[in-house]
Amino acid sequence: MSLADSVLAVNNDLPIRTDKPVHSGKVRSVYWLTDTDSRRLIRDKGYDVPEDTPLAIMVISDRISAFDCIFHGEGNLQGIPGKGAALNAISNHWFGLFAENNLADSHILDIPHPFVWIVQKARPIKVEAICRQYITGSMWRAYSKGERVFCGITLPEGLTKDQKLPELLITPSTKGILTGIPGVPAQDDVNISRSDIEANYQAFGFEKPQDIDLYETLLKQGFKVISDALAKLDQVFVDTKFEFGYVNDKNGQSKLIYMDEVGTPDSSRIWDGAAYRDGKIVENSKEGFRQFLLNHFDDADILLNKDRMPEREALARDNDLPLEAMMNVSRTYTGVAEKVTGSGIALPANPKADIIKVLREQYDLID
């Protein structure tokens, strides 16, 4: 087995039975099942959802994206070994803890394989739900330039880079390009305030105004569960992004749930606790890879300046990153997963073949 063969880079070409186009994102691909297969699995597997619920197979990849580009390494390494399995394992662990603490459900119904989720269709909230416990990243960049109001929240004077904030802050941004909302530019990832959401709750996908309070409660509860668990591992949960959506329960009643991944090195900043107490920042998340890229290339402005996107895309396409850099990212992701779950992350010899075998033999989804 070569290292390159152990990586699942292309995940939108599996022969999963579907009658709709495959949606392929930066990391995951989604295969919507036929109505017949959805109903069969709901019946045969006993999923606790209405019998007419659309289901999808969600397959994660090992691709690594940063600055809106996909990067690759030497030796035809098209992703990070162990990354996909690590992300799923971490999310699965946190969702299990959420259930133990009686938090909301997620969209995941089944986990057939370390790279695969079976999910129910949800109606997504069009808000990137971001929680911050420390001032760093974009918040610090704005603060250091003199800005004191961030997503409608007034920050106190005298804060220093990377310090713990006086309280946990919710700093949402738009998910996707939303049009026709007063004061909100029609761009992806625009910072918004709670008052923006309250004034336009339906445009952001909320079904009723009181669900804004519920989404904030679930965000804080989920953050606390993960932060407390990481603290026991001497890891600092710095900030994170959650996503939410609505599904119908078995009785047809709408309920708000967690969606996508939670508490992973892709969606969060995680710092080493011992290093932080010593005045140093050791990133145990994708932020470490981002910092590597900024230092690796001679002109970091290409990565930071959206007006230079064609140059950035060429940079990612035409450069093989050093193998050691790719493996450092692998060690970060698998290391976090092993700390969190208490189990190792195995590298399959041929992940695509493994997935096809499981979905054929146990779920009858491969023709």
Protein backbone atom coordinates (compact mmCIF):
# COMPACT_ATOMS: atom_id res chain seq x y z
CA MET A 1 0.00 0.00 0.00
CA SER A 2 1.38 3.40 -0.98
CA LEU A 3 0.64 6.44 1.14
CA ALA A 4 -1.19 8.04 -1.78
CA ASP A 5 -3.45 4.99 -2.13
CA SER A 6 -4.57 5.28 1.51
CA VAL A 7 -6.01 8.74 0.85
CA LEU A 8 -9.60 9.23 -0.32
CA ALA A 9 -9.33 12.38 -2.43
CA VAL A 10 -12.12 11.84 -4.99
CA ASN A 11 -15.35 10.96 -3.20
CA ASN A 12 -18.03 11.92 -5.74
CA ASP A 13 -17.61 8.96 -8.10
CA LEU A 14 -18.80 6.04 -5.96
CA PRO A 15 -21.42 3.77 -7.63
CA ILE A 16 -24.06 4.53 -5.01
CA ARG A 17 -27.59 4.21 -6.40
CA THR A 18 -29.09 7.67 -6.77
CA ASP A 19 -31.44 9.49 -9.13
CA LYS A 20 -30.11 12.97 -8.38
CA PRO A 21 -26.83 14.78 -9.05
CA VAL A 22 -24.07 14.17 -6.50
CA HIS A 23 -23.28 17.28 -4.49
CA SER A 24 -19.55 17.61 -3.88
CA GLY A 25 -18.28 20.18 -1.38
CA LYS A 26 -14.76 20.99 -0.25
CA VAL A 27 -14.64 17.98 2.06
CA ARG A 28 -17.85 15.91 1.75
CA SER A 29 -19.92 14.53 -1.11
CA VAL A 30 -23.65 13.86 -0.72
CA TYR A 31 -25.56 11.13 -2.56
CA TRP A 32 -29.34 11.50 -2.23
CA LEU A 33 -30.96 8.08 -2.19
CA THR A 34 -34.00 7.16 -4.23
CA ASP A 35 -37.34 7.34 -2.46
CA THR A 36 -37.55 3.54 -2.63
CA ASP A 37 -34.16 3.06 -0.96
CA SER A 38 -34.87 5.72 1.67
CA ARG A 39 -38.15 4.07 2.65
CA ARG A 40 -36.52 0.61 2.66
CA LEU A 41 -33.67 1.68 4.96
CA ILE A 42 -36.02 3.54 7.31
CA ARG A 43 -38.11 0.39 7.59
CA ASP A 44 -35.35 -2.23 7.70
CA LYS A 45 -32.88 -0.31 9.91
CA GLY A 46 -35.53 1.15 12.19
CA TYR A 47 -34.48 4.78 11.81
CA ASP A 48 -36.58 6.99 14.07
CA VAL A 49 -37.87 9.31 11.33
CA PRO A 50 -41.07 9.62 9.27
CA GLU A 51 -41.29 6.93 6.58
CA ASP A 52 -41.15 9.48 3.74
CA THR A 53 -37.95 11.21 4.98
CA PRO A 54 -35.35 11.65 2.21
CA LEU A 55 -32.00 10.07 3.16
CA ALA A 56 -28.50 10.66 1.85
CA ILE A 57 -25.12 8.97 2.00
CA MET A 58 -22.52 11.52 3.05
CA VAL A 59 -18.95 10.52 2.23
CA ILE A 60 -16.04 12.46 3.68
CA SER A 61 -12.73 12.87 1.85
CA ASP A 62 -9.15 13.40 2.96
CA ARG A 63 -8.79 16.58 0.90
CA ILE A 64 -7.32 19.60 2.67
CA SER A 65 -8.67 23.06 1.86
CA ALA A 66 -7.40 26.41 3.08
CA PHE A 67 -7.95 29.94 1.82
CA ASP A 68 -10.75 28.54 -0.41
CA CYS A 69 -8.37 26.25 -2.32
CA ILE A 70 -7.54 22.54 -2.28
CA PHE A 71 -3.85 21.74 -1.70
CA HIS A 72 -1.81 18.61 -2.44
CA GLY A 73 1.59 17.20 -1.60
CA GLU A 74 4.61 15.47 -3.06
CA GLY A 75 4.30 11.90 -4.30
CA ASN A 76 0.81 12.52 -5.73
CA LEU A 77 -0.54 12.89 -2.21
CA GLN A 78 -3.97 14.42 -2.90
CA GLY A 79 -5.04 14.71 0.73
CA ILE A 80 -4.08 14.16 4.35
CA PRO A 81 -3.77 10.52 5.47
CA GLY A 82 -6.30 9.82 8.21
CA LYS A 83 -7.95 13.24 8.02
CA GLY A 84 -11.45 12.15 6.94
CA ALA A 85 -11.70 9.30 9.41
CA ALA A 86 -10.37 11.57 12.18
CA LEU A 87 -12.96 14.29 11.49
CA ASN A 88 -15.83 11.82 11.48
CA ALA A 89 -14.58 10.06 14.62
CA ILE A 90 -14.31 13.34 16.52
CA SER A 91 -17.78 14.49 15.45
CA ASN A 92 -19.28 11.10 16.26
CA HIS A 93 -17.76 11.26 19.75
CA TRP A 94 -19.14 14.75 20.44
CA PHE A 95 -22.60 13.84 19.13
CA GLY A 96 -22.54 10.89 21.51
CA LEU A 97 -21.71 13.22 24.40
CA PHE A 98 -24.47 15.58 23.31
CA ALA A 99 -26.94 12.69 23.51
CA GLU A 100 -25.65 11.72 26.97
CA ASN A 101 -26.23 15.31 28.10
CA ASN A 102 -29.72 15.43 26.56
CA LEU A 103 -28.87 18.08 23.98
CA ALA A 104 -30.53 18.25 20.56
CA ASP A 105 -30.23 15.47 17.99
CA SER A 106 -28.06 15.58 14.86
CA HIS A 107 -28.93 14.72 11.25
CA ILE A 108 -26.87 11.49 11.44
CA LEU A 109 -28.92 8.29 11.51
CA ASP A 110 -26.25 5.66 10.93
CA ILE A 111 -22.45 5.26 10.58
CA PRO A 112 -21.79 2.39 8.16
CA HIS A 113 -18.06 3.11 7.76
CA PRO A 114 -15.48 5.54 9.27
CA PHE A 115 -15.79 7.71 6.14
CA VAL A 116 -19.59 7.52 5.81
CA TRP A 117 -22.71 8.92 7.46
CA ILE A 118 -26.30 8.16 6.56
CA VAL A 119 -28.20 11.39 7.18
CA GLN A 120 -31.75 12.64 6.97
CA LYS A 121 -32.62 15.67 4.89
CA ALA A 122 -32.74 18.86 6.93
CA ARG A 123 -33.82 22.43 6.30
CA PRO A 124 -30.62 24.35 7.09
CA ILE A 125 -30.40 27.56 9.06
CA LYS A 126 -28.48 30.00 6.85
CA VAL A 127 -26.22 31.12 9.67
CA GLU A 128 -22.67 30.04 10.49
CA ALA A 129 -23.04 29.79 14.26
CA ILE A 130 -19.64 30.83 15.61
CA CYS A 131 -18.72 30.79 19.31
CA ARG A 132 -15.56 32.44 20.68
CA GLN A 133 -13.94 31.93 24.07
CA TYR A 134 -10.64 33.70 23.24
CA ILE A 135 -9.81 36.76 21.13
CA THR A 136 -7.79 35.67 18.13
CA GLY A 137 -8.16 35.36 14.36
CA SER A 138 -10.49 37.77 12.59
CA MET A 139 -11.80 39.20 15.86
CA TRP A 140 -8.30 40.12 17.00
CA ARG A 141 -7.42 41.58 13.58
CA ALA A 142 -10.48 43.85 13.76
CA TYR A 143 -9.83 44.74 17.41
CA SER A 144 -6.17 45.58 16.78
CA LYS A 145 -7.29 48.04 14.09
CA GLY A 146 -9.43 49.88 16.62
CA GLU A 147 -12.80 48.23 16.02
CA ARG A 148 -14.74 47.65 19.24
CA VAL A 149 -18.11 46.46 17.90
CA PHE A 150 -18.06 42.92 16.46
CA CYS A 151 -21.29 41.31 15.22
CA GLY A 152 -23.23 43.87 17.28
CA ILE A 153 -21.23 43.10 20.45
CA THR A 154 -19.18 45.87 22.09
CA LEU A 155 -15.80 44.60 23.26
CA PRO A 156 -14.05 46.15 26.27
CA GLU A 157 -10.84 48.12 26.02
CA GLY A 158 -7.51 46.64 26.99
CA LEU A 159 -7.81 43.14 25.52
CA THR A 160 -4.61 41.46 24.37
CA LYS A 161 -4.09 38.92 21.59
CA ASP A 162 -5.11 35.34 22.44
CA GLN A 163 -6.45 36.18 25.91
CA LYS A 164 -9.61 34.59 27.28
CA LEU A 165 -12.68 36.76 26.77
CA PRO A 166 -14.77 37.92 29.73
CA GLU A 167 -17.61 35.72 28.47
CA LEU A 168 -18.40 33.31 25.66
CA LEU A 169 -19.40 35.31 22.59
CA ILE A 170 -21.69 34.32 19.72
CA THR A 171 -20.50 35.98 16.50
CA PRO A 172 -22.61 34.68 13.59
CA SER A 173 -22.00 35.11 9.88
CA THR A 174 -24.00 34.33 6.77
CA LYS A 175 -24.01 30.83 5.29
CA GLY A 176 -24.12 31.21 1.54
CA ILE A 177 -25.09 34.32 -0.41
CA LEU A 178 -28.34 35.81 0.90
CA THR A 179 -30.12 38.55 -1.01
CA GLY A 180 -32.69 41.14 -0.06
CA ILE A 181 -31.77 41.42 3.63
CA PRO A 182 -31.42 45.07 4.70
CA GLY A 183 -27.89 45.91 5.85
CA VAL A 184 -26.49 42.48 4.92
CA PRO A 185 -24.34 42.42 1.75
CA ALA A 186 -25.11 39.65 -0.74
CA GLN A 187 -21.84 37.84 -0.02
CA ASP A 188 -20.86 34.60 1.66
CA ASP A 189 -19.46 34.70 5.19
CA VAL A 190 -20.59 38.21 6.17
CA ASN A 191 -20.58 39.04 9.89
CA ILE A 192 -24.09 39.68 11.21
CA SER A 193 -25.63 40.55 14.56
CA ARG A 194 -28.44 38.99 16.55
CA SER A 195 -30.58 42.01 15.70
CA ASP A 196 -30.05 41.27 11.98
CA ILE A 197 -31.32 37.74 12.57
CA GLU A 198 -34.29 38.89 14.69
CA ALA A 199 -35.39 41.41 12.06
CA ASN A 200 -35.13 38.87 9.22
CA TYR A 201 -35.51 35.50 10.95
CA GLN A 202 -37.38 33.85 8.08
CA ALA A 203 -34.78 34.94 5.52
CA PHE A 204 -32.15 33.22 7.66
CA GLY A 205 -34.22 30.03 7.74
CA PHE A 206 -35.68 30.22 11.26
CA GLU A 207 -39.23 28.94 11.45
CA LYS A 208 -40.23 31.06 14.43
CA PRO A 209 -38.63 33.95 16.35
CA GLN A 210 -38.19 32.00 19.60
CA ASP A 211 -35.93 29.54 17.79
CA ILE A 212 -33.23 32.23 17.80
CA ASP A 213 -33.00 31.79 21.58
CA LEU A 214 -33.01 28.01 21.14
CA TYR A 215 -30.18 28.09 18.57
CA GLU A 216 -28.07 30.22 20.92
CA THR A 217 -28.82 27.85 23.81
CA LEU A 218 -27.84 24.79 21.76
CA LEU A 219 -24.70 26.56 20.60
CA LYS A 220 -23.63 27.39 24.15
CA GLN A 221 -24.55 23.94 25.46
CA GLY A 222 -22.62 22.18 22.70
CA PHE A 223 -19.63 24.45 23.17
CA LYS A 224 -19.57 23.78 26.91
CA VAL A 225 -19.77 19.99 26.53
CA ILE A 226 -16.82 19.99 24.11
CA SER A 227 -14.82 22.61 26.01
CA ASP A 228 -15.17 20.75 29.32
CA ALA A 229 -14.15 17.44 27.72
CA LEU A 230 -11.13 18.98 25.98
CA ALA A 231 -10.04 20.69 29.20
CA LYS A 232 -9.73 17.25 30.80
CA LEU A 233 -7.28 16.43 28.00
CA ASP A 234 -5.40 19.71 28.64
CA GLN A 235 -6.63 21.16 25.35
CA VAL A 236 -8.10 24.66 25.02
CA PHE A 237 -11.30 25.01 23.01
CA VAL A 238 -10.72 28.46 21.52
CA ASP A 239 -13.55 28.95 19.06
CA THR A 240 -15.75 26.87 16.79
CA LYS A 241 -18.45 26.87 14.13
CA PHE A 242 -21.72 24.99 14.46
CA GLU A 243 -24.47 24.55 11.91
CA PHE A 244 -28.15 23.95 12.61
CA GLY A 245 -31.22 22.89 10.70
CA TYR A 246 -34.77 21.58 11.06
CA VAL A 247 -36.05 18.05 10.60
CA ASN A 248 -39.41 16.43 11.32
CA ASP A 249 -39.62 13.87 14.10
CA LYS A 250 -41.52 10.57 13.89
CA ASN A 251 -44.77 12.44 14.61
CA GLY A 252 -44.13 15.03 11.92
CA GLN A 253 -43.23 17.79 14.38
CA SER A 254 -40.44 20.18 13.38
CA LYS A 255 -37.35 20.27 15.62
CA LEU A 256 -34.03 22.10 15.57
CA ILE A 257 -30.94 19.88 15.34
CA TYR A 258 -27.16 20.04 14.98
CA MET A 259 -25.86 19.57 11.42
CA ASP A 260 -22.55 18.76 9.77
CA GLU A 261 -19.42 18.22 11.88
CA VAL A 262 -18.83 19.63 15.36
CA GLY A 263 -15.73 20.35 17.42
CA THR A 264 -13.23 19.18 14.81
CA PRO A 265 -9.83 20.62 13.83
CA ASP A 266 -11.50 21.80 10.61
CA SER A 267 -14.30 23.74 12.29
CA SER A 268 -12.52 24.87 15.47
CA ARG A 269 -9.35 26.28 16.93
CA ILE A 270 -7.85 24.01 19.57
CA TRP A 271 -4.70 24.97 21.50
CA ASP A 272 -2.38 22.86 23.61
CA GLY A 273 -3.09 23.75 27.25
CA ALA A 274 0.45 23.37 28.63
CA ALA A 275 1.93 25.53 25.86
CA TYR A 276 -0.74 28.21 26.38
CA ARG A 277 0.04 28.43 30.08
CA ASP A 278 3.69 28.89 29.07
CA GLY A 279 2.78 31.85 26.86
CA LYS A 280 2.97 29.97 23.54
CA ILE A 281 0.33 28.99 21.00
CA VAL A 282 0.49 25.44 19.66
CA GLU A 283 -2.31 24.93 17.15
CA ASN A 284 -4.01 21.53 17.13
CA SER A 285 -6.30 22.46 14.25
CA LYS A 286 -6.27 23.50 10.60
CA GLU A 287 -5.07 26.92 11.68
CA GLY A 288 -1.60 25.37 11.98
CA PHE A 289 -1.76 24.38 8.29
CA ARG A 290 -2.90 27.88 7.35
CA GLN A 291 0.06 29.37 9.21
CA PHE A 292 2.40 26.92 7.45
CA LEU A 293 1.11 28.08 4.05
CA LEU A 294 1.54 31.75 4.94
CA ASN A 295 5.18 31.08 5.86
CA HIS A 296 5.87 28.60 3.05
CA PHE A 297 5.08 30.85 0.10
CA ASP A 298 7.10 33.98 -0.60
CA ASP A 299 4.10 36.25 -1.19
CA ALA A 300 1.57 35.61 1.59
CA ASP A 301 -0.68 38.35 0.21
CA ILE A 302 -1.77 35.95 -2.53
CA LEU A 303 -3.41 33.81 0.16
CA LEU A 304 -4.97 36.73 2.01
CA ASN A 305 -6.09 39.03 -0.81
CA LYS A 306 -9.36 37.93 -2.44
CA ASP A 307 -8.59 40.17 -5.41
CA ARG A 308 -5.72 37.77 -6.26
CA MET A 309 -7.87 34.64 -6.37
CA PRO A 310 -6.63 33.47 -9.81
CA GLU A 311 -3.04 33.60 -8.53
CA ARG A 312 -4.07 31.75 -5.37
CA GLU A 313 -5.76 29.00 -7.35
CA ALA A 314 -2.65 28.63 -9.50
CA LEU A 315 -0.48 28.51 -6.38
CA ALA A 316 -2.51 25.63 -4.96
CA ARG A 317 -2.71 23.81 -8.29
CA ASP A 318 0.93 24.09 -9.32
CA ASN A 319 2.77 23.45 -6.05
CA ASP A 320 3.42 20.08 -4.42
CA LEU A 321 3.69 20.76 -0.69
CA PRO A 322 6.50 18.99 1.20
CA LEU A 323 5.56 15.51 2.36
CA GLU A 324 6.62 16.30 5.91
CA ALA A 325 4.23 19.26 6.02
CA MET A 326 1.35 17.04 4.90
CA MET A 327 2.25 14.40 7.48
CA ASN A 328 2.44 17.05 10.21
CA VAL A 329 -1.18 17.87 9.44
CA SER A 330 -2.00 14.16 9.53
CA ARG A 331 -0.41 13.83 12.95
CA THR A 332 -2.39 16.84 14.20
CA TYR A 333 -5.75 15.49 13.04
CA THR A 334 -5.23 11.88 14.07
CA GLY A 335 -3.64 13.01 17.33
CA VAL A 336 -6.69 15.06 18.29
CA ALA A 337 -8.99 12.18 17.30
CA GLU A 338 -7.01 9.68 19.39
CA LYS A 339 -7.02 12.01 22.42
CA VAL A 340 -10.75 12.67 22.12
CA THR A 341 -11.95 9.14 21.39
CA GLY A 342 -9.29 7.14 23.18
CA SER A 343 -8.85 4.98 20.06
CA GLY A 344 -6.41 4.93 17.17
CA ILE A 345 -7.28 6.00 13.62
CA ALA A 346 -6.59 3.21 11.13
CA LEU A 347 -5.48 4.00 7.57
CA PRO A 348 -7.33 1.67 5.19
CA ALA A 349 -5.39 0.31 2.20
CA ASN A 350 -8.23 1.17 -0.18
CA PRO A 351 -10.95 3.27 1.47
CA LYS A 352 -13.11 3.51 -1.65
CA ALA A 353 -13.27 -0.27 -2.05
CA ASP A 354 -14.08 -0.64 1.66
CA ILE A 355 -16.97 1.82 1.41
CA ILE A 356 -18.42 0.13 -1.68
CA LYS A 357 -18.22 -3.29 0.00
CA VAL A 358 -20.08 -2.14 3.12
CA LEU A 359 -22.78 -0.26 1.21
CA ARG A 360 -23.31 -3.23 -1.13
CA GLU A 361 -23.35 -6.02 1.44
CA GLN A 362 -25.04 -4.32 4.39
CA TYR A 363 -27.24 -1.66 2.79
CA ASP A 364 -27.88 -2.88 -0.81
CA LEU A 365 -27.08 0.55 -2.26
CA ILE A 366 -24.63 -0.52 -4.97
CA ASP A 367 -25.94 -1.89 -8.27
